[in-house]
Each structure stands twice: as structure tokens, then as C-alpha cells.
Amino acid sequence: MQQNKLYAIGALVGAAAGLLYWKYIGCLTGTCAITSNAFRSTIYFAVMGSVLFGLFKRQKVLIEKHYKN
């Protein structure tokens, strides 16, 4: 779990953002595929948050190789 902490935090932040987006912005007509449903919006933003936070994960192997040379 320690290795995936950033992914989990990103998913939680994204899920909260998705729920807030659905509640305050959402889709008035109901034709929006993602934001018309609270569940879909929350899941989509959770995945996007996980991906975004995963970009900031340190690559330990690359850092060790850099300092050894």
C-alpha cells in the first residue's frame, strides 16, 4: 500500500472533485455521458485523479542510477 499511496490519494481527491462537479455544474439536459450521473462522474474523476497523481510518483530506480554515475 505504501507504494500506491499517491494513487489512492489521487483517487480520493478525484472522487470528491467529481461529486462536487456533478452537484454544482453537472448536466442540465441529462444527455452528458459522464456528468449526468453522480456515480459515473465520481468514478471518472477518481480514475483521472489517480492518473494525475501517479504522474508525480518518484521513479526510485532512475534516481539511484543517476546518483551512482
Foldseek 3Di string as FASTA:
>chain_A
DVQQPLLQVLLVVQLVVLQVCLVPPADDVLPDPQNSDSVSSSRVRSNVRSVVSVVPRDDVVVVVVVVVD
